[in-house]
N, C-alpha and C. Protein backbone atom coordinates (compact mmCIF):
# COMPACT_ATOMS: atom_id res chain seq x y z
N UNK A 1 -12.54 3.87 3.18
CA UNK A 1 -12.25 4.47 1.85
C UNK A 1 -12.61 5.98 1.90
N UNK A 2 -11.71 6.73 1.16
CA UNK A 2 -11.88 8.23 1.16
C UNK A 2 -12.52 8.53 -0.12
N UNK A 3 -13.51 9.46 -0.13
CA UNK A 3 -14.25 9.86 -1.20
C UNK A 3 -14.09 11.36 -1.34
N UNK A 4 -13.15 11.84 -2.17
CA UNK A 4 -12.99 13.34 -2.26
C UNK A 4 -14.17 13.95 -2.96
N UNK A 5 -14.50 15.24 -2.69
CA UNK A 5 -15.56 15.94 -3.34
C UNK A 5 -14.94 16.84 -4.42
N UNK A 6 -15.73 17.27 -5.31
CA UNK A 6 -15.40 18.28 -6.37
C UNK A 6 -14.20 17.82 -7.11
N UNK A 7 -13.15 18.77 -7.28
CA UNK A 7 -12.01 18.43 -8.09
C UNK A 7 -10.77 18.17 -7.08
N UNK A 8 -11.08 17.68 -5.90
CA UNK A 8 -10.01 17.36 -4.96
C UNK A 8 -9.34 16.01 -5.20
N UNK A 9 -8.03 15.87 -4.94
CA UNK A 9 -7.32 14.58 -5.20
C UNK A 9 -6.47 14.37 -3.96
N UNK A 10 -6.24 13.08 -3.66
CA UNK A 10 -5.33 12.67 -2.61
C UNK A 10 -4.15 11.99 -3.36
N UNK A 11 -2.97 12.41 -2.99
CA UNK A 11 -1.67 12.01 -3.65
C UNK A 11 -0.86 11.23 -2.62
N UNK A 12 -0.37 10.08 -3.03
CA UNK A 12 0.62 9.36 -2.21
C UNK A 12 2.04 9.78 -2.81
N UNK A 13 2.88 10.26 -1.95
CA UNK A 13 4.20 10.70 -2.37
C UNK A 13 5.05 9.47 -2.86
N UNK A 14 5.76 9.77 -3.97
CA UNK A 14 6.71 8.79 -4.40
C UNK A 14 8.14 9.34 -4.04
N UNK A 15 8.74 8.63 -3.06
CA UNK A 15 10.04 9.13 -2.62
C UNK A 15 11.12 8.73 -3.51
N UNK A 16 11.97 9.56 -3.89
CA UNK A 16 13.04 9.24 -4.83
C UNK A 16 14.30 9.43 -4.05
N UNK A 17 15.38 8.64 -4.38
CA UNK A 17 16.64 8.77 -3.75
C UNK A 17 17.23 10.05 -4.15
N UNK A 18 17.80 10.80 -3.11
CA UNK A 18 18.34 12.07 -3.37
C UNK A 18 19.84 11.84 -3.63
N UNK A 19 20.34 12.36 -4.79
CA UNK A 19 21.81 12.40 -5.12
C UNK A 19 22.23 13.73 -5.55
N UNK A 20 23.51 13.97 -5.42
CA UNK A 20 24.10 15.28 -5.91
C UNK A 20 24.40 15.01 -7.37
N UNK A 21 24.82 16.03 -8.01
CA UNK A 21 25.25 15.90 -9.44
C UNK A 21 26.33 14.96 -9.61
N UNK A 22 27.21 14.87 -8.69
CA UNK A 22 28.36 13.99 -8.75
C UNK A 22 28.06 12.57 -8.32
N UNK A 23 26.80 12.31 -8.01
CA UNK A 23 26.39 10.92 -7.73
C UNK A 23 26.48 10.59 -6.23
N UNK A 24 26.73 11.50 -5.29
CA UNK A 24 26.79 11.14 -3.93
C UNK A 24 25.26 11.06 -3.39
N UNK A 25 25.01 9.95 -2.72
CA UNK A 25 23.62 9.76 -2.18
C UNK A 25 23.54 10.44 -0.84
N UNK A 26 22.49 11.36 -0.73
CA UNK A 26 22.37 12.20 0.48
C UNK A 26 21.60 11.29 1.54
N UNK A 27 22.03 11.36 2.80
CA UNK A 27 21.36 10.60 3.91
C UNK A 27 20.06 11.23 4.23
N UNK A 28 19.21 10.52 4.91
CA UNK A 28 17.84 11.01 5.33
C UNK A 28 17.89 12.16 6.22
N UNK A 29 19.13 12.41 6.94
CA UNK A 29 19.16 13.52 7.85
C UNK A 29 19.30 14.84 7.12
N UNK A 30 19.64 14.79 5.89
CA UNK A 30 19.74 16.00 5.08
C UNK A 30 18.31 16.56 4.81
N UNK A 31 17.97 17.93 5.12
CA UNK A 31 16.70 18.33 4.97
C UNK A 31 16.24 18.11 3.44
N UNK A 32 15.09 17.51 3.25
CA UNK A 32 14.52 17.23 1.94
C UNK A 32 13.64 18.37 1.45
N UNK A 33 13.63 18.48 0.23
CA UNK A 33 12.67 19.43 -0.31
C UNK A 33 11.27 18.79 -0.42
N UNK A 34 10.26 19.55 -0.52
CA UNK A 34 8.88 19.00 -0.64
C UNK A 34 8.77 18.13 -1.95
N UNK A 35 8.24 17.04 -1.94
CA UNK A 35 8.20 16.16 -3.03
C UNK A 35 7.35 16.80 -4.23
N UNK A 36 7.63 16.42 -5.47
CA UNK A 36 6.86 16.93 -6.62
C UNK A 36 6.40 15.78 -7.43
N UNK A 37 6.61 14.56 -7.06
CA UNK A 37 6.11 13.45 -7.82
C UNK A 37 5.32 12.54 -6.91
N UNK A 38 4.10 12.06 -7.41
CA UNK A 38 3.31 11.18 -6.50
C UNK A 38 2.33 10.45 -7.43
N UNK A 39 1.54 9.53 -6.69
CA UNK A 39 0.55 8.68 -7.39
C UNK A 39 -0.80 9.15 -6.85
N UNK A 40 -1.80 9.35 -7.66
CA UNK A 40 -3.12 9.72 -7.14
C UNK A 40 -3.81 8.51 -6.69
N UNK A 41 -4.20 8.56 -5.36
CA UNK A 41 -4.87 7.44 -4.68
C UNK A 41 -6.34 7.59 -4.84
N UNK A 42 -6.88 8.83 -4.61
CA UNK A 42 -8.35 9.04 -4.70
C UNK A 42 -8.50 10.37 -5.46
N UNK A 43 -9.55 10.40 -6.24
CA UNK A 43 -9.84 11.55 -7.03
C UNK A 43 -11.39 11.78 -7.06
N UNK A 44 -11.75 13.10 -6.84
CA UNK A 44 -13.17 13.49 -6.90
C UNK A 44 -13.75 13.37 -8.30
N UNK A 45 -15.07 13.57 -8.38
CA UNK A 45 -15.77 13.43 -9.69
C UNK A 45 -15.52 14.65 -10.55
N UNK A 46 -15.08 15.80 -10.05
CA UNK A 46 -14.97 17.04 -10.85
C UNK A 46 -15.73 18.14 -10.32
N UNK A 47 -15.32 19.28 -10.78
CA UNK A 47 -15.97 20.54 -10.33
C UNK A 47 -17.28 20.85 -11.01
N UNK A 48 -18.19 21.41 -10.28
CA UNK A 48 -19.53 21.77 -10.89
C UNK A 48 -19.56 23.20 -11.41
N UNK A 49 -20.10 23.37 -12.58
CA UNK A 49 -20.28 24.64 -13.16
C UNK A 49 -21.56 25.34 -12.52
N UNK A 50 -21.78 26.58 -12.71
CA UNK A 50 -22.90 27.33 -12.10
C UNK A 50 -24.25 26.66 -12.65
N UNK A 51 -24.25 26.18 -13.80
CA UNK A 51 -25.46 25.62 -14.41
C UNK A 51 -25.65 24.19 -14.07
N UNK A 52 -24.92 23.62 -13.12
CA UNK A 52 -25.11 22.28 -12.62
C UNK A 52 -24.43 21.17 -13.46
N UNK A 53 -23.72 21.56 -14.47
CA UNK A 53 -22.94 20.59 -15.26
C UNK A 53 -21.61 20.37 -14.63
N UNK A 54 -21.28 19.12 -14.59
CA UNK A 54 -19.97 18.76 -14.01
C UNK A 54 -18.84 18.73 -15.04
N UNK A 55 -17.63 19.38 -14.68
CA UNK A 55 -16.46 19.39 -15.48
C UNK A 55 -15.70 18.19 -15.10
N UNK A 56 -15.52 17.17 -16.09
CA UNK A 56 -14.81 15.90 -15.74
C UNK A 56 -13.34 16.18 -15.43
N UNK A 57 -12.82 15.35 -14.57
CA UNK A 57 -11.36 15.42 -14.19
C UNK A 57 -10.52 14.96 -15.29
N UNK A 58 -9.35 15.50 -15.48
CA UNK A 58 -8.36 15.07 -16.41
C UNK A 58 -7.42 14.11 -15.86
N UNK A 59 -7.48 13.79 -14.51
CA UNK A 59 -6.67 12.83 -13.89
C UNK A 59 -7.56 11.82 -13.10
N UNK A 60 -6.95 10.64 -12.84
CA UNK A 60 -7.78 9.58 -12.10
C UNK A 60 -6.88 8.84 -11.14
N UNK A 61 -7.44 8.05 -10.22
CA UNK A 61 -6.69 7.26 -9.34
C UNK A 61 -5.73 6.34 -10.09
N UNK A 62 -4.53 6.20 -9.74
CA UNK A 62 -3.56 5.45 -10.35
C UNK A 62 -2.59 6.24 -11.20
N UNK A 63 -2.94 7.40 -11.55
CA UNK A 63 -2.05 8.26 -12.39
C UNK A 63 -0.86 8.65 -11.54
N UNK A 64 0.34 8.65 -12.17
CA UNK A 64 1.58 9.18 -11.51
C UNK A 64 1.70 10.62 -12.07
N UNK A 65 1.92 11.51 -11.19
CA UNK A 65 1.80 13.00 -11.59
C UNK A 65 2.96 13.78 -11.02
N UNK A 66 3.23 14.89 -11.61
CA UNK A 66 4.06 15.93 -11.16
C UNK A 66 3.13 17.03 -10.64
N UNK A 67 3.40 17.59 -9.49
CA UNK A 67 2.45 18.57 -8.92
C UNK A 67 3.22 19.79 -8.38
N UNK A 68 2.52 20.86 -8.14
CA UNK A 68 3.09 22.07 -7.64
C UNK A 68 3.86 21.83 -6.30
N UNK A 69 5.00 22.43 -6.13
CA UNK A 69 5.75 22.19 -4.91
C UNK A 69 5.04 22.63 -3.72
N UNK A 70 4.41 23.71 -3.66
CA UNK A 70 3.78 24.17 -2.48
C UNK A 70 2.26 24.19 -2.59
N UNK A 71 1.63 23.48 -3.49
CA UNK A 71 0.26 23.41 -3.74
C UNK A 71 -0.53 22.68 -2.67
N UNK A 72 -0.40 21.27 -2.71
CA UNK A 72 -1.27 20.45 -1.81
C UNK A 72 -0.75 20.51 -0.33
N UNK A 73 -1.71 20.27 0.53
CA UNK A 73 -1.62 20.27 1.99
C UNK A 73 -1.38 18.83 2.41
N UNK A 74 -0.54 18.58 3.48
CA UNK A 74 -0.31 17.30 4.01
C UNK A 74 -1.38 16.93 4.98
N UNK A 75 -1.80 15.77 4.94
CA UNK A 75 -2.79 15.29 5.90
C UNK A 75 -2.43 13.83 6.25
N UNK A 76 -2.77 13.35 7.49
CA UNK A 76 -2.59 12.01 7.89
C UNK A 76 -3.88 11.39 8.30
N UNK A 77 -4.20 10.24 7.71
CA UNK A 77 -5.40 9.48 7.91
C UNK A 77 -5.08 8.09 8.25
N UNK A 78 -5.43 7.62 9.49
CA UNK A 78 -5.14 6.28 9.94
C UNK A 78 -3.66 5.92 9.77
N UNK A 79 -2.80 6.86 10.09
CA UNK A 79 -1.41 6.56 10.17
C UNK A 79 -0.68 6.66 8.74
N UNK A 80 -1.48 7.02 7.69
CA UNK A 80 -0.90 7.13 6.33
C UNK A 80 -0.98 8.59 5.96
N UNK A 81 0.17 9.07 5.32
CA UNK A 81 0.20 10.46 4.93
C UNK A 81 -0.07 10.66 3.52
N UNK A 82 -0.88 11.62 3.22
CA UNK A 82 -1.37 11.95 1.90
C UNK A 82 -1.08 13.51 1.70
N UNK A 83 -1.04 13.88 0.37
CA UNK A 83 -1.17 15.31 0.08
C UNK A 83 -2.44 15.51 -0.53
N UNK A 84 -3.15 16.53 -0.11
CA UNK A 84 -4.51 16.77 -0.61
C UNK A 84 -4.44 18.12 -1.34
N UNK A 85 -4.87 18.11 -2.50
CA UNK A 85 -4.99 19.30 -3.32
C UNK A 85 -6.07 19.32 -4.42
N UNK A 86 -6.08 20.16 -5.27
CA UNK A 86 -6.98 20.23 -6.38
C UNK A 86 -6.40 19.95 -7.71
N UNK A 87 -7.23 19.64 -8.63
CA UNK A 87 -6.79 19.27 -9.91
C UNK A 87 -5.82 20.32 -10.51
N UNK A 88 -6.03 21.56 -10.16
CA UNK A 88 -5.15 22.66 -10.65
C UNK A 88 -3.70 22.62 -10.12
N UNK A 89 -3.51 21.86 -9.06
CA UNK A 89 -2.13 21.60 -8.48
C UNK A 89 -1.41 20.73 -9.36
N UNK A 90 -1.99 19.92 -10.18
CA UNK A 90 -1.28 18.97 -11.06
C UNK A 90 -0.64 19.64 -12.26
N UNK A 91 0.59 19.43 -12.52
CA UNK A 91 1.29 20.00 -13.67
C UNK A 91 1.30 19.02 -14.86
N UNK A 92 1.41 17.70 -14.65
CA UNK A 92 1.54 16.81 -15.77
C UNK A 92 1.27 15.41 -15.27
N UNK A 93 0.76 14.57 -16.10
CA UNK A 93 0.68 13.11 -15.85
C UNK A 93 1.77 12.40 -16.52
N UNK A 94 2.54 11.62 -15.76
CA UNK A 94 3.69 10.86 -16.25
C UNK A 94 3.16 9.59 -16.96
N UNK A 95 3.53 9.32 -18.14
CA UNK A 95 3.16 8.05 -18.84
C UNK A 95 4.45 7.34 -19.22
N UNK A 96 4.43 6.07 -18.83
CA UNK A 96 5.77 5.23 -19.04
C UNK A 96 5.45 4.26 -20.18
């Protein structure tokens, strides 16, 4: 199990089928843009203030989120790819 520190999060990318405006599905060989939608798998406890008080996270494991295109870094652990970033990289939580 991964236990992020501070306000760090691990995101599992949600791959979406790529289509053109006219409805043509693009093959995997077409260069893909960096993903912007994912599911938080692990989240840290929150950032610490200078006075020792912890700022609680506004996201948690299981949340489906939109994140900054170039914010998180890609990392591979035991053959599984994650994006690792900070809470500030999250733009919105998607609620269904």
